[in-house]
Amino acid sequence: MGIDKRAKEGEYNSGNGTVYVLRQDPKEFVLQKQADTRFVETVKNLYQTKAKAGTMEFKNNLYLERGPFDLIAVMDESVDAKPYTQFGILIDLFDPTLPVLDVKTVQPGEQAFLFNVNRVEDKNKPQVLAAASRVYEENRTKNSYSFITKSPAQTNNVMRILLPAQPKKVTIKDPAGNTIPDAGSVWDQVSKTTLLTFENNPDGISVQIEW
């Protein structure tokens, strides 16, 4: 940033921004009550005065959006004890059953990891949205979607798959070509996804879905 590493405490210009050097051990901010007051005021001044980004707000939650994923954490030692509520067509990735929700409420002290189906770029493209395995050799036709999925033995696979229509037939086979029984899928009309569950195999399980 073009600032001398021995620079004294204070404010410095760097590129199009401003840097404020604090010559204080960060651990000191948490050793005593309200010891972070000066630090917070410095950040507030830079945010509101230098960056002119508006009024700095204090919240008890952290929200991060990355593509179709929503990551949420609500702190239990913060400015208030309000929960965080997220709306949408949401697959709860922290729930091993991969349920589809229209609302997720995250309480203080909790976190959430969600797949937001509303942000899928091509909703007409058959695709695995979430699974306890890796997917290979995908093949798509007008009325079918097939792939190979692999994961460690003696583990259960739960998959939620986006499809253009409700499946008419689902065929699941082990590496020897034997059909795995009870291969029926559970369809969710709102999200246009089907839920499949079966035992994993590191040599690959083949899945064929027709609609």
N, C-alpha and C. Protein backbone atom coordinates (compact mmCIF):
# COMPACT_ATOMS: atom_id res chain seq x y z
N MET A 1 0.82 -1.22 0.00
CA MET A 1 0.00 0.00 0.00
C MET A 1 0.85 1.27 0.00
N GLY A 2 2.18 1.09 -0.06
CA GLY A 2 3.06 2.24 -0.12
C GLY A 2 3.21 2.95 1.19
N ILE A 3 2.92 2.28 2.31
CA ILE A 3 3.05 2.88 3.64
C ILE A 3 4.24 2.23 4.35
N ASP A 4 5.10 3.05 4.93
CA ASP A 4 6.26 2.54 5.65
C ASP A 4 5.80 1.63 6.79
N LYS A 5 6.41 0.46 6.92
CA LYS A 5 5.99 -0.49 7.95
C LYS A 5 6.23 0.05 9.36
N ARG A 6 7.06 1.11 9.46
CA ARG A 6 7.31 1.73 10.76
C ARG A 6 6.48 3.00 10.94
N ALA A 7 5.51 3.18 10.08
CA ALA A 7 4.68 4.39 10.14
C ALA A 7 4.04 4.57 11.51
N LYS A 8 3.98 5.80 11.96
CA LYS A 8 3.36 6.09 13.24
C LYS A 8 1.84 5.94 13.13
N GLU A 9 1.23 5.82 14.29
CA GLU A 9 -0.23 5.71 14.30
C GLU A 9 -0.85 6.95 13.68
N GLY A 10 -1.86 6.69 12.83
CA GLY A 10 -2.53 7.80 12.19
C GLY A 10 -3.11 7.43 10.84
N GLU A 11 -3.56 8.42 10.13
CA GLU A 11 -4.29 8.23 8.87
C GLU A 11 -3.36 8.47 7.68
N TYR A 12 -3.47 7.56 6.67
CA TYR A 12 -2.61 7.66 5.49
C TYR A 12 -3.44 7.42 4.23
N ASN A 13 -3.08 8.10 3.16
CA ASN A 13 -3.72 7.87 1.87
C ASN A 13 -3.06 6.70 1.17
N SER A 14 -3.87 5.89 0.52
CA SER A 14 -3.35 4.75 -0.24
C SER A 14 -4.24 4.54 -1.45
N GLY A 15 -3.69 4.81 -2.64
CA GLY A 15 -4.51 4.70 -3.85
C GLY A 15 -5.69 5.65 -3.77
N ASN A 16 -6.89 5.10 -3.97
CA ASN A 16 -8.10 5.91 -3.88
C ASN A 16 -8.75 5.84 -2.50
N GLY A 17 -8.06 5.18 -1.56
CA GLY A 17 -8.64 4.98 -0.24
C GLY A 17 -7.81 5.56 0.89
N THR A 18 -8.23 5.24 2.09
CA THR A 18 -7.59 5.73 3.30
C THR A 18 -7.28 4.55 4.23
N VAL A 19 -6.10 4.58 4.81
CA VAL A 19 -5.68 3.55 5.76
C VAL A 19 -5.41 4.22 7.10
N TYR A 20 -5.91 3.61 8.16
CA TYR A 20 -5.62 4.13 9.50
C TYR A 20 -4.80 3.10 10.25
N VAL A 21 -3.61 3.49 10.68
CA VAL A 21 -2.72 2.60 11.41
C VAL A 21 -2.97 2.75 12.91
N LEU A 22 -3.30 1.62 13.58
CA LEU A 22 -3.46 1.60 15.03
C LEU A 22 -2.30 0.83 15.63
N ARG A 23 -1.55 1.45 16.49
CA ARG A 23 -0.42 0.79 17.14
C ARG A 23 -0.87 0.22 18.48
N GLN A 24 -1.76 -0.79 18.39
CA GLN A 24 -2.31 -1.41 19.60
C GLN A 24 -2.52 -2.88 19.34
N ASP A 25 -2.17 -3.71 20.29
CA ASP A 25 -2.34 -5.15 20.15
C ASP A 25 -3.83 -5.46 20.08
N PRO A 26 -4.29 -6.17 19.03
CA PRO A 26 -5.73 -6.46 18.89
C PRO A 26 -6.35 -7.17 20.10
N LYS A 27 -5.55 -7.96 20.81
CA LYS A 27 -6.12 -8.69 21.95
C LYS A 27 -6.59 -7.74 23.06
N GLU A 28 -6.01 -6.53 23.08
CA GLU A 28 -6.40 -5.57 24.10
C GLU A 28 -7.85 -5.11 23.94
N PHE A 29 -8.38 -5.26 22.74
CA PHE A 29 -9.76 -4.83 22.51
C PHE A 29 -10.78 -5.70 23.24
N VAL A 30 -10.40 -6.92 23.60
CA VAL A 30 -11.37 -7.84 24.21
C VAL A 30 -11.04 -8.19 25.65
N LEU A 31 -9.94 -7.68 26.17
CA LEU A 31 -9.54 -8.03 27.53
C LEU A 31 -10.38 -7.30 28.59
N GLN A 32 -10.88 -6.14 28.24
CA GLN A 32 -11.69 -5.37 29.17
C GLN A 32 -12.97 -4.90 28.49
N LYS A 33 -14.00 -4.70 29.27
CA LYS A 33 -15.27 -4.25 28.74
C LYS A 33 -15.12 -2.88 28.09
N GLN A 34 -15.67 -2.75 26.89
CA GLN A 34 -15.68 -1.51 26.10
C GLN A 34 -14.28 -1.03 25.72
N ALA A 35 -13.31 -1.95 25.76
CA ALA A 35 -11.95 -1.58 25.35
C ALA A 35 -11.85 -1.37 23.84
N ASP A 36 -12.89 -1.78 23.12
CA ASP A 36 -12.87 -1.62 21.67
C ASP A 36 -13.52 -0.32 21.21
N THR A 37 -13.89 0.54 22.14
CA THR A 37 -14.62 1.77 21.79
C THR A 37 -13.85 2.62 20.78
N ARG A 38 -12.55 2.81 21.03
CA ARG A 38 -11.75 3.62 20.13
C ARG A 38 -11.64 3.00 18.75
N PHE A 39 -11.48 1.68 18.71
CA PHE A 39 -11.40 0.98 17.43
C PHE A 39 -12.69 1.15 16.63
N VAL A 40 -13.83 0.95 17.30
CA VAL A 40 -15.12 1.07 16.62
C VAL A 40 -15.34 2.49 16.12
N GLU A 41 -14.97 3.47 16.92
CA GLU A 41 -15.15 4.86 16.50
C GLU A 41 -14.26 5.19 15.30
N THR A 42 -13.07 4.61 15.26
CA THR A 42 -12.17 4.83 14.12
C THR A 42 -12.78 4.26 12.84
N VAL A 43 -13.27 3.03 12.93
CA VAL A 43 -13.91 2.40 11.77
C VAL A 43 -15.14 3.19 11.33
N LYS A 44 -15.93 3.63 12.31
CA LYS A 44 -17.14 4.39 12.01
C LYS A 44 -16.81 5.69 11.28
N ASN A 45 -15.78 6.37 11.74
CA ASN A 45 -15.38 7.63 11.12
C ASN A 45 -14.91 7.42 9.68
N LEU A 46 -14.09 6.38 9.47
CA LEU A 46 -13.61 6.09 8.12
C LEU A 46 -14.76 5.71 7.20
N TYR A 47 -15.70 4.93 7.71
CA TYR A 47 -16.84 4.46 6.90
C TYR A 47 -17.76 5.61 6.51
N GLN A 48 -18.08 6.46 7.50
CA GLN A 48 -19.07 7.51 7.25
C GLN A 48 -18.45 8.78 6.65
N THR A 49 -17.26 9.14 7.11
CA THR A 49 -16.66 10.41 6.68
C THR A 49 -15.78 10.25 5.45
N LYS A 50 -14.88 9.27 5.49
CA LYS A 50 -13.95 9.09 4.38
C LYS A 50 -14.60 8.37 3.20
N ALA A 51 -15.23 7.23 3.47
CA ALA A 51 -15.85 6.46 2.39
C ALA A 51 -17.20 7.04 1.98
N LYS A 52 -17.80 7.83 2.88
CA LYS A 52 -19.12 8.41 2.63
C LYS A 52 -20.11 7.31 2.21
N ALA A 53 -20.08 6.20 2.96
CA ALA A 53 -20.90 5.04 2.63
C ALA A 53 -22.23 5.02 3.38
N GLY A 54 -22.55 6.11 4.06
CA GLY A 54 -23.80 6.15 4.79
C GLY A 54 -23.57 5.98 6.28
N THR A 55 -24.63 5.67 7.00
CA THR A 55 -24.54 5.48 8.45
C THR A 55 -24.19 4.04 8.78
N MET A 56 -23.17 3.84 9.56
CA MET A 56 -22.76 2.48 9.92
C MET A 56 -23.78 1.86 10.86
N GLU A 57 -24.21 0.65 10.52
CA GLU A 57 -25.21 -0.05 11.32
C GLU A 57 -24.56 -1.21 12.07
N PHE A 58 -25.12 -1.53 13.22
CA PHE A 58 -24.64 -2.65 14.02
C PHE A 58 -25.71 -3.75 14.02
N LYS A 59 -25.32 -4.94 13.63
CA LYS A 59 -26.25 -6.05 13.55
C LYS A 59 -25.69 -7.25 14.31
N ASN A 60 -26.57 -8.19 14.60
CA ASN A 60 -26.13 -9.39 15.32
C ASN A 60 -25.94 -10.57 14.37
N ASN A 61 -25.94 -10.30 13.05
CA ASN A 61 -25.87 -11.42 12.10
C ASN A 61 -24.86 -11.14 10.99
N LEU A 62 -24.42 -12.22 10.40
CA LEU A 62 -23.55 -12.16 9.24
C LEU A 62 -24.23 -12.92 8.11
N TYR A 63 -24.33 -12.31 6.94
CA TYR A 63 -24.98 -12.93 5.79
C TYR A 63 -24.04 -12.85 4.60
N LEU A 64 -23.83 -13.98 3.95
CA LEU A 64 -22.95 -14.02 2.78
C LEU A 64 -23.66 -14.76 1.66
N GLU A 65 -23.70 -14.14 0.49
CA GLU A 65 -24.34 -14.73 -0.69
C GLU A 65 -23.26 -15.04 -1.72
N ARG A 66 -23.17 -16.31 -2.12
CA ARG A 66 -22.22 -16.74 -3.13
C ARG A 66 -22.94 -17.61 -4.14
N GLY A 67 -23.23 -17.05 -5.32
CA GLY A 67 -23.99 -17.80 -6.31
C GLY A 67 -25.35 -18.18 -5.73
N PRO A 68 -25.71 -19.46 -5.78
CA PRO A 68 -26.99 -19.88 -5.22
C PRO A 68 -26.95 -20.17 -3.72
N PHE A 69 -25.78 -19.99 -3.10
CA PHE A 69 -25.63 -20.36 -1.69
C PHE A 69 -25.81 -19.16 -0.77
N ASP A 70 -26.52 -19.39 0.35
CA ASP A 70 -26.68 -18.40 1.41
C ASP A 70 -26.04 -18.95 2.67
N LEU A 71 -25.10 -18.19 3.25
CA LEU A 71 -24.48 -18.56 4.51
C LEU A 71 -24.87 -17.52 5.55
N ILE A 72 -25.42 -17.99 6.66
CA ILE A 72 -25.97 -17.09 7.68
C ILE A 72 -25.47 -17.52 9.05
N ALA A 73 -25.05 -16.56 9.85
CA ALA A 73 -24.68 -16.81 11.24
C ALA A 73 -25.27 -15.70 12.10
N VAL A 74 -25.90 -16.09 13.22
CA VAL A 74 -26.47 -15.11 14.14
C VAL A 74 -25.74 -15.23 15.46
N MET A 75 -25.16 -14.14 15.91
CA MET A 75 -24.36 -14.14 17.13
C MET A 75 -25.25 -14.01 18.37
N ASP A 76 -24.86 -14.70 19.43
CA ASP A 76 -25.67 -14.67 20.65
C ASP A 76 -25.13 -13.69 21.69
N GLU A 77 -24.05 -12.98 21.39
CA GLU A 77 -23.53 -11.93 22.28
C GLU A 77 -23.34 -10.68 21.43
N SER A 78 -24.44 -9.99 21.18
CA SER A 78 -24.37 -8.87 20.24
C SER A 78 -25.35 -7.78 20.64
N VAL A 79 -25.71 -6.95 19.66
CA VAL A 79 -26.53 -5.78 19.96
C VAL A 79 -27.97 -6.13 20.33
N ASP A 80 -28.45 -7.29 19.88
CA ASP A 80 -29.79 -7.73 20.25
C ASP A 80 -29.88 -9.25 20.07
N ALA A 81 -31.04 -9.80 20.34
CA ALA A 81 -31.23 -11.25 20.26
C ALA A 81 -32.25 -11.61 19.18
N LYS A 82 -32.33 -10.79 18.14
CA LYS A 82 -33.29 -11.05 17.07
C LYS A 82 -32.81 -12.19 16.17
N PRO A 83 -33.72 -13.04 15.73
CA PRO A 83 -33.35 -14.08 14.75
C PRO A 83 -33.23 -13.48 13.36
N TYR A 84 -32.62 -14.21 12.46
CA TYR A 84 -32.51 -13.80 11.06
C TYR A 84 -33.43 -14.69 10.24
N THR A 85 -34.25 -14.09 9.39
CA THR A 85 -35.21 -14.85 8.59
C THR A 85 -34.89 -14.68 7.12
N GLN A 86 -34.77 -15.82 6.43
CA GLN A 86 -34.50 -15.83 4.99
C GLN A 86 -35.67 -16.48 4.27
N PHE A 87 -36.12 -15.84 3.19
CA PHE A 87 -37.24 -16.36 2.40
C PHE A 87 -36.74 -16.82 1.04
N GLY A 88 -37.50 -17.69 0.41
CA GLY A 88 -37.15 -18.17 -0.92
C GLY A 88 -37.52 -19.63 -1.08
N ILE A 89 -36.98 -20.26 -2.10
CA ILE A 89 -37.09 -21.72 -2.27
C ILE A 89 -35.73 -22.27 -1.85
N LEU A 90 -35.65 -22.76 -0.64
CA LEU A 90 -34.38 -23.02 0.02
C LEU A 90 -34.19 -24.50 0.33
N ILE A 91 -33.04 -25.03 -0.02
CA ILE A 91 -32.65 -26.38 0.39
C ILE A 91 -31.73 -26.23 1.59
N ASP A 92 -32.11 -26.84 2.69
CA ASP A 92 -31.33 -26.74 3.92
C ASP A 92 -30.18 -27.74 3.87
N LEU A 93 -28.97 -27.27 3.62
CA LEU A 93 -27.83 -28.15 3.44
C LEU A 93 -27.27 -28.67 4.76
N PHE A 94 -27.65 -28.07 5.88
CA PHE A 94 -27.23 -28.58 7.19
C PHE A 94 -28.16 -29.68 7.70
N ASP A 95 -29.26 -29.91 7.01
CA ASP A 95 -30.19 -30.98 7.36
C ASP A 95 -29.92 -32.17 6.45
N PRO A 96 -29.57 -33.34 7.00
CA PRO A 96 -29.21 -34.49 6.15
C PRO A 96 -30.33 -34.98 5.25
N THR A 97 -31.57 -34.56 5.50
CA THR A 97 -32.68 -34.97 4.63
C THR A 97 -32.90 -33.99 3.48
N LEU A 98 -32.12 -32.91 3.43
CA LEU A 98 -32.21 -31.89 2.37
C LEU A 98 -33.65 -31.42 2.12
N PRO A 99 -34.33 -30.95 3.14
CA PRO A 99 -35.71 -30.47 2.94
C PRO A 99 -35.75 -29.18 2.14
N VAL A 100 -36.87 -28.93 1.48
CA VAL A 100 -37.11 -27.68 0.77
C VAL A 100 -37.98 -26.79 1.65
N LEU A 101 -37.52 -25.58 1.91
CA LEU A 101 -38.22 -24.65 2.80
C LEU A 101 -38.58 -23.38 2.04
N ASP A 102 -39.65 -22.72 2.47
CA ASP A 102 -39.95 -21.41 1.91
C ASP A 102 -39.48 -20.30 2.84
N VAL A 103 -39.11 -20.66 4.07
CA VAL A 103 -38.57 -19.70 5.02
C VAL A 103 -37.65 -20.44 5.98
N LYS A 104 -36.55 -19.80 6.33
CA LYS A 104 -35.62 -20.37 7.29
C LYS A 104 -35.33 -19.30 8.34
N THR A 105 -35.58 -19.63 9.60
CA THR A 105 -35.31 -18.72 10.71
C THR A 105 -34.10 -19.22 11.47
N VAL A 106 -33.10 -18.35 11.59
CA VAL A 106 -31.84 -18.70 12.27
C VAL A 106 -31.80 -17.94 13.59
N GLN A 107 -31.75 -18.68 14.69
CA GLN A 107 -31.75 -18.08 16.02
C GLN A 107 -30.34 -17.68 16.45
N PRO A 108 -30.21 -16.79 17.44
CA PRO A 108 -28.89 -16.44 17.96
C PRO A 108 -28.12 -17.69 18.41
N GLY A 109 -26.85 -17.75 18.01
CA GLY A 109 -26.04 -18.91 18.34
C GLY A 109 -26.12 -20.00 17.29
N GLU A 110 -26.89 -19.79 16.22
CA GLU A 110 -27.06 -20.79 15.18
C GLU A 110 -26.49 -20.29 13.85
N GLN A 111 -26.27 -21.25 12.94
CA GLN A 111 -25.81 -20.94 11.60
C GLN A 111 -26.69 -21.70 10.60
N ALA A 112 -26.70 -21.24 9.37
CA ALA A 112 -27.45 -21.90 8.31
C ALA A 112 -26.64 -21.88 7.02
N PHE A 113 -26.77 -22.96 6.26
CA PHE A 113 -26.14 -23.07 4.95
C PHE A 113 -27.23 -23.51 3.99
N LEU A 114 -27.64 -22.63 3.10
CA LEU A 114 -28.81 -22.86 2.26
C LEU A 114 -28.45 -22.79 0.78
N PHE A 115 -29.16 -23.60 0.00
CA PHE A 115 -29.08 -23.50 -1.47
C PHE A 115 -30.37 -22.83 -1.92
N ASN A 116 -30.25 -21.66 -2.53
CA ASN A 116 -31.41 -20.89 -2.95
C ASN A 116 -31.73 -21.23 -4.41
N VAL A 117 -32.77 -22.02 -4.60
CA VAL A 117 -33.13 -22.49 -5.94
C VAL A 117 -33.51 -21.33 -6.84
N ASN A 118 -33.99 -20.24 -6.26
CA ASN A 118 -34.36 -19.08 -7.07
C ASN A 118 -33.19 -18.51 -7.86
N ARG A 119 -31.97 -18.80 -7.40
CA ARG A 119 -30.80 -18.21 -8.06
C ARG A 119 -30.07 -19.20 -8.97
N VAL A 120 -30.69 -20.31 -9.29
CA VAL A 120 -30.13 -21.23 -10.29
C VAL A 120 -30.20 -20.55 -11.65
N GLU A 121 -29.10 -20.52 -12.38
CA GLU A 121 -29.05 -19.78 -13.63
C GLU A 121 -29.96 -20.36 -14.71
N ASP A 122 -29.96 -21.67 -14.87
CA ASP A 122 -30.78 -22.31 -15.90
C ASP A 122 -31.67 -23.35 -15.24
N LYS A 123 -32.89 -22.94 -14.91
CA LYS A 123 -33.80 -23.84 -14.20
C LYS A 123 -34.36 -24.95 -15.09
N ASN A 124 -34.21 -24.83 -16.41
CA ASN A 124 -34.68 -25.87 -17.32
C ASN A 124 -33.63 -26.95 -17.55
N LYS A 125 -32.45 -26.77 -17.02
CA LYS A 125 -31.37 -27.74 -17.18
C LYS A 125 -31.38 -28.75 -16.04
N PRO A 126 -31.61 -30.04 -16.32
CA PRO A 126 -31.55 -31.04 -15.27
C PRO A 126 -30.17 -31.04 -14.62
N GLN A 127 -30.14 -31.03 -13.28
CA GLN A 127 -28.85 -30.97 -12.60
C GLN A 127 -29.00 -31.34 -11.13
N VAL A 128 -27.92 -31.89 -10.59
CA VAL A 128 -27.88 -32.21 -9.16
C VAL A 128 -27.55 -30.92 -8.42
N LEU A 129 -28.43 -30.53 -7.50
CA LEU A 129 -28.22 -29.31 -6.74
C LEU A 129 -27.45 -29.57 -5.45
N ALA A 130 -27.71 -30.72 -4.83
CA ALA A 130 -27.05 -31.06 -3.57
C ALA A 130 -27.00 -32.58 -3.45
N ALA A 131 -25.88 -33.08 -2.95
CA ALA A 131 -25.72 -34.53 -2.84
C ALA A 131 -24.59 -34.88 -1.90
N ALA A 132 -24.68 -36.06 -1.30
CA ALA A 132 -23.61 -36.59 -0.45
C ALA A 132 -22.70 -37.47 -1.31
N SER A 133 -22.27 -36.95 -2.45
CA SER A 133 -21.43 -37.71 -3.38
C SER A 133 -20.95 -36.76 -4.47
N ARG A 134 -20.09 -37.30 -5.34
CA ARG A 134 -19.65 -36.54 -6.52
C ARG A 134 -20.29 -37.14 -7.76
N VAL A 135 -20.61 -36.28 -8.71
CA VAL A 135 -21.35 -36.70 -9.90
C VAL A 135 -20.44 -36.67 -11.12
N TYR A 136 -20.51 -37.75 -11.93
CA TYR A 136 -19.70 -37.88 -13.14
C TYR A 136 -20.58 -38.29 -14.32
N GLU A 137 -20.06 -38.12 -15.53
CA GLU A 137 -20.64 -38.65 -16.76
C GLU A 137 -22.12 -38.29 -16.91
N GLU A 138 -22.43 -37.03 -16.76
CA GLU A 138 -23.81 -36.58 -16.92
C GLU A 138 -24.23 -36.66 -18.39
N ASN A 139 -25.45 -37.07 -18.61
CA ASN A 139 -26.00 -37.14 -19.96
C ASN A 139 -27.45 -36.65 -19.94
N ARG A 140 -27.76 -35.70 -20.80
CA ARG A 140 -29.10 -35.11 -20.82
C ARG A 140 -29.73 -35.28 -22.20
N THR A 141 -31.00 -35.68 -22.22
CA THR A 141 -31.78 -35.71 -23.45
C THR A 141 -33.07 -34.92 -23.19
N LYS A 142 -33.95 -34.90 -24.17
CA LYS A 142 -35.19 -34.15 -24.04
C LYS A 142 -36.04 -34.67 -22.89
N ASN A 143 -35.99 -35.98 -22.65
CA ASN A 143 -36.86 -36.57 -21.64
C ASN A 143 -36.12 -37.41 -20.59
N SER A 144 -34.80 -37.20 -20.46
CA SER A 144 -34.08 -38.00 -19.48
C SER A 144 -32.82 -37.29 -18.99
N TYR A 145 -32.34 -37.78 -17.86
CA TYR A 145 -31.11 -37.28 -17.26
C TYR A 145 -30.45 -38.45 -16.55
N SER A 146 -29.18 -38.69 -16.87
CA SER A 146 -28.46 -39.81 -16.25
C SER A 146 -27.08 -39.37 -15.82
N PHE A 147 -26.51 -40.09 -14.85
CA PHE A 147 -25.18 -39.76 -14.35
C PHE A 147 -24.66 -40.91 -13.50
N ILE A 148 -23.38 -40.87 -13.21
CA ILE A 148 -22.73 -41.79 -12.27
C ILE A 148 -22.38 -40.99 -11.03
N THR A 149 -22.63 -41.57 -9.86
CA THR A 149 -22.30 -40.87 -8.63
C THR A 149 -21.46 -41.77 -7.73
N LYS A 150 -20.43 -41.19 -7.13
CA LYS A 150 -19.49 -41.98 -6.32
C LYS A 150 -19.28 -41.32 -4.95
N SER A 151 -19.16 -42.20 -3.95
CA SER A 151 -18.88 -41.74 -2.60
C SER A 151 -18.46 -42.95 -1.77
N PRO A 152 -17.86 -42.77 -0.59
CA PRO A 152 -17.36 -43.91 0.20
C PRO A 152 -18.43 -44.93 0.52
N ALA A 153 -18.00 -46.19 0.62
CA ALA A 153 -18.90 -47.29 0.97
C ALA A 153 -19.43 -47.12 2.39
N GLN A 154 -20.55 -47.76 2.64
CA GLN A 154 -21.20 -47.75 3.94
C GLN A 154 -21.60 -46.34 4.39
N THR A 155 -21.94 -45.53 3.41
CA THR A 155 -22.52 -44.21 3.68
C THR A 155 -23.78 -44.08 2.84
N ASN A 156 -24.69 -43.26 3.30
CA ASN A 156 -25.95 -43.06 2.59
C ASN A 156 -25.90 -41.79 1.75
N ASN A 157 -26.42 -41.92 0.55
CA ASN A 157 -26.49 -40.77 -0.35
C ASN A 157 -27.88 -40.17 -0.31
N VAL A 158 -27.92 -38.86 -0.15
CA VAL A 158 -29.16 -38.10 -0.26
C VAL A 158 -28.92 -37.05 -1.33
N MET A 159 -29.77 -37.04 -2.36
CA MET A 159 -29.59 -36.13 -3.49
C MET A 159 -30.86 -35.36 -3.77
N ARG A 160 -30.69 -34.08 -4.03
CA ARG A 160 -31.84 -33.29 -4.51
C ARG A 160 -31.50 -32.81 -5.91
N ILE A 161 -32.36 -33.19 -6.88
CA ILE A 161 -32.06 -33.01 -8.30
C ILE A 161 -33.13 -32.14 -8.95
N LEU A 162 -32.67 -31.11 -9.65
CA LEU A 162 -33.58 -30.21 -10.36
C LEU A 162 -33.95 -30.83 -11.70
N LEU A 163 -35.26 -30.87 -11.99
CA LEU A 163 -35.76 -31.48 -13.22
C LEU A 163 -36.83 -30.59 -13.85
N PRO A 164 -37.02 -30.69 -15.17
CA PRO A 164 -38.06 -29.88 -15.81
C PRO A 164 -39.48 -30.39 -15.56
N ALA A 165 -39.60 -31.65 -15.12
CA ALA A 165 -40.92 -32.22 -14.87
C ALA A 165 -40.79 -33.36 -13.87
N GLN A 166 -41.91 -33.76 -13.33
CA GLN A 166 -41.90 -34.85 -12.35
C GLN A 166 -41.48 -36.16 -13.00
N PRO A 167 -40.60 -36.92 -12.39
CA PRO A 167 -40.12 -38.17 -12.98
C PRO A 167 -41.24 -39.20 -13.15
N LYS A 168 -41.19 -39.90 -14.28
CA LYS A 168 -42.09 -41.03 -14.50
C LYS A 168 -41.40 -42.34 -14.14
N LYS A 169 -40.06 -42.35 -14.26
CA LYS A 169 -39.31 -43.57 -13.95
C LYS A 169 -37.92 -43.20 -13.47
N VAL A 170 -37.50 -43.84 -12.39
CA VAL A 170 -36.15 -43.67 -11.86
C VAL A 170 -35.50 -45.03 -11.72
N THR A 171 -34.35 -45.20 -12.33
CA THR A 171 -33.63 -46.47 -12.26
C THR A 171 -32.25 -46.23 -11.65
N ILE A 172 -31.96 -46.98 -10.59
CA ILE A 172 -30.67 -46.86 -9.91
C ILE A 172 -30.00 -48.23 -9.90
N LYS A 173 -28.75 -48.28 -10.38
CA LYS A 173 -28.05 -49.56 -10.47
C LYS A 173 -26.68 -49.49 -9.78
N ASP A 174 -26.29 -50.61 -9.20
CA ASP A 174 -24.98 -50.69 -8.56
C ASP A 174 -23.90 -50.94 -9.61
N PRO A 175 -22.62 -50.99 -9.24
CA PRO A 175 -21.56 -51.17 -10.23
C PRO A 175 -21.66 -52.45 -11.04
N ALA A 176 -22.33 -53.49 -10.50
CA ALA A 176 -22.49 -54.75 -11.22
C ALA A 176 -23.67 -54.73 -12.17
N GLY A 177 -24.41 -53.62 -12.20
CA GLY A 177 -25.56 -53.52 -13.08
C GLY A 177 -26.86 -53.99 -12.46
N ASN A 178 -26.83 -54.32 -11.17
CA ASN A 178 -28.05 -54.77 -10.48
C ASN A 178 -28.88 -53.56 -10.05
N THR A 179 -30.17 -53.66 -10.32
CA THR A 179 -31.06 -52.57 -9.94
C THR A 179 -31.24 -52.52 -8.43
N ILE A 180 -31.06 -51.36 -7.87
CA ILE A 180 -31.25 -51.18 -6.43
C ILE A 180 -32.74 -51.02 -6.16
N PRO A 181 -33.32 -51.82 -5.27
CA PRO A 181 -34.76 -51.75 -5.01
C PRO A 181 -35.16 -50.44 -4.32
N ASP A 182 -36.46 -50.18 -4.36
CA ASP A 182 -37.03 -48.99 -3.73
C ASP A 182 -36.36 -47.72 -4.24
N ALA A 183 -36.26 -47.64 -5.55
CA ALA A 183 -35.57 -46.51 -6.15
C ALA A 183 -36.52 -45.35 -6.46
N GLY A 184 -37.73 -45.39 -5.91
CA GLY A 184 -38.68 -44.32 -6.19
C GLY A 184 -38.21 -42.98 -5.66
N SER A 185 -38.58 -41.91 -6.32
CA SER A 185 -38.15 -40.57 -5.91
C SER A 185 -39.31 -39.85 -5.22
N VAL A 186 -38.94 -38.82 -4.46
CA VAL A 186 -39.94 -37.98 -3.80
C VAL A 186 -39.91 -36.62 -4.49
N TRP A 187 -41.00 -36.24 -5.13
CA TRP A 187 -41.06 -35.03 -5.94
C TRP A 187 -41.56 -33.84 -5.14
N ASP A 188 -40.90 -32.68 -5.31
CA ASP A 188 -41.35 -31.43 -4.71
C ASP A 188 -41.72 -30.48 -5.84
N GLN A 189 -42.98 -30.17 -5.95
CA GLN A 189 -43.48 -29.38 -7.08
C GLN A 189 -43.01 -27.93 -7.03
N VAL A 190 -42.91 -27.36 -5.84
CA VAL A 190 -42.54 -25.95 -5.71
C VAL A 190 -41.12 -25.71 -6.22
N SER A 191 -40.19 -26.55 -5.81
CA SER A 191 -38.80 -26.37 -6.21
C SER A 191 -38.46 -27.06 -7.52
N LYS A 192 -39.37 -27.91 -8.02
CA LYS A 192 -39.12 -28.73 -9.21
C LYS A 192 -37.89 -29.62 -9.00
N THR A 193 -37.83 -30.20 -7.80
CA THR A 193 -36.71 -31.10 -7.49
C THR A 193 -37.25 -32.44 -7.01
N THR A 194 -36.45 -33.47 -7.26
CA THR A 194 -36.77 -34.79 -6.74
C THR A 194 -35.70 -35.21 -5.75
N LEU A 195 -36.11 -35.95 -4.74
CA LEU A 195 -35.19 -36.40 -3.69
C LEU A 195 -34.93 -37.89 -3.86
N LEU A 196 -33.66 -38.26 -3.96
CA LEU A 196 -33.26 -39.66 -4.06
C LEU A 196 -32.40 -40.03 -2.88
N THR A 197 -32.57 -41.24 -2.35
CA THR A 197 -31.73 -41.75 -1.27
C THR A 197 -31.37 -43.19 -1.58
N PHE A 198 -30.09 -43.52 -1.40
CA PHE A 198 -29.62 -44.89 -1.61
C PHE A 198 -28.23 -45.01 -1.02
N GLU A 199 -27.73 -46.23 -0.91
CA GLU A 199 -26.41 -46.45 -0.32
C GLU A 199 -25.32 -46.14 -1.35
N ASN A 200 -24.30 -45.46 -0.89
CA ASN A 200 -23.20 -45.07 -1.77
C ASN A 200 -22.30 -46.24 -2.12
N ASN A 201 -21.52 -46.04 -3.19
CA ASN A 201 -20.53 -47.03 -3.60
C ASN A 201 -19.37 -46.28 -4.26
N PRO A 202 -18.12 -46.51 -3.82
CA PRO A 202 -16.99 -45.79 -4.41
C PRO A 202 -16.74 -46.14 -5.88
N ASP A 203 -17.27 -47.28 -6.34
CA ASP A 203 -17.10 -47.69 -7.74
C ASP A 203 -18.15 -47.06 -8.65
N GLY A 204 -19.13 -46.43 -8.06
CA GLY A 204 -20.11 -45.70 -8.86
C GLY A 204 -21.49 -46.33 -8.90
N ILE A 205 -22.49 -45.53 -8.65
CA ILE A 205 -23.89 -45.89 -8.78
C ILE A 205 -24.44 -45.13 -9.99
N SER A 206 -25.11 -45.84 -10.88
CA SER A 206 -25.69 -45.18 -12.06
C SER A 206 -27.15 -44.82 -11.79
N VAL A 207 -27.51 -43.61 -12.18
CA VAL A 207 -28.87 -43.11 -11.98
C VAL A 207 -29.44 -42.67 -13.32
N GLN A 208 -30.63 -43.16 -13.64
CA GLN A 208 -31.32 -42.80 -14.88
C GLN A 208 -32.70 -42.29 -14.49
N ILE A 209 -33.01 -41.03 -14.89
CA ILE A 209 -34.31 -40.43 -14.57
C ILE A 209 -35.01 -40.07 -15.87
N GLU A 210 -36.28 -40.50 -15.99
CA GLU A 210 -37.07 -40.20 -17.18
C GLU A 210 -38.35 -39.47 -16.79
N TRP A 211 -38.79 -38.55 -17.65
CA TRP A 211 -40.03 -37.81 -17.37
C TRP A 211 -40.87 -37.66 -18.63
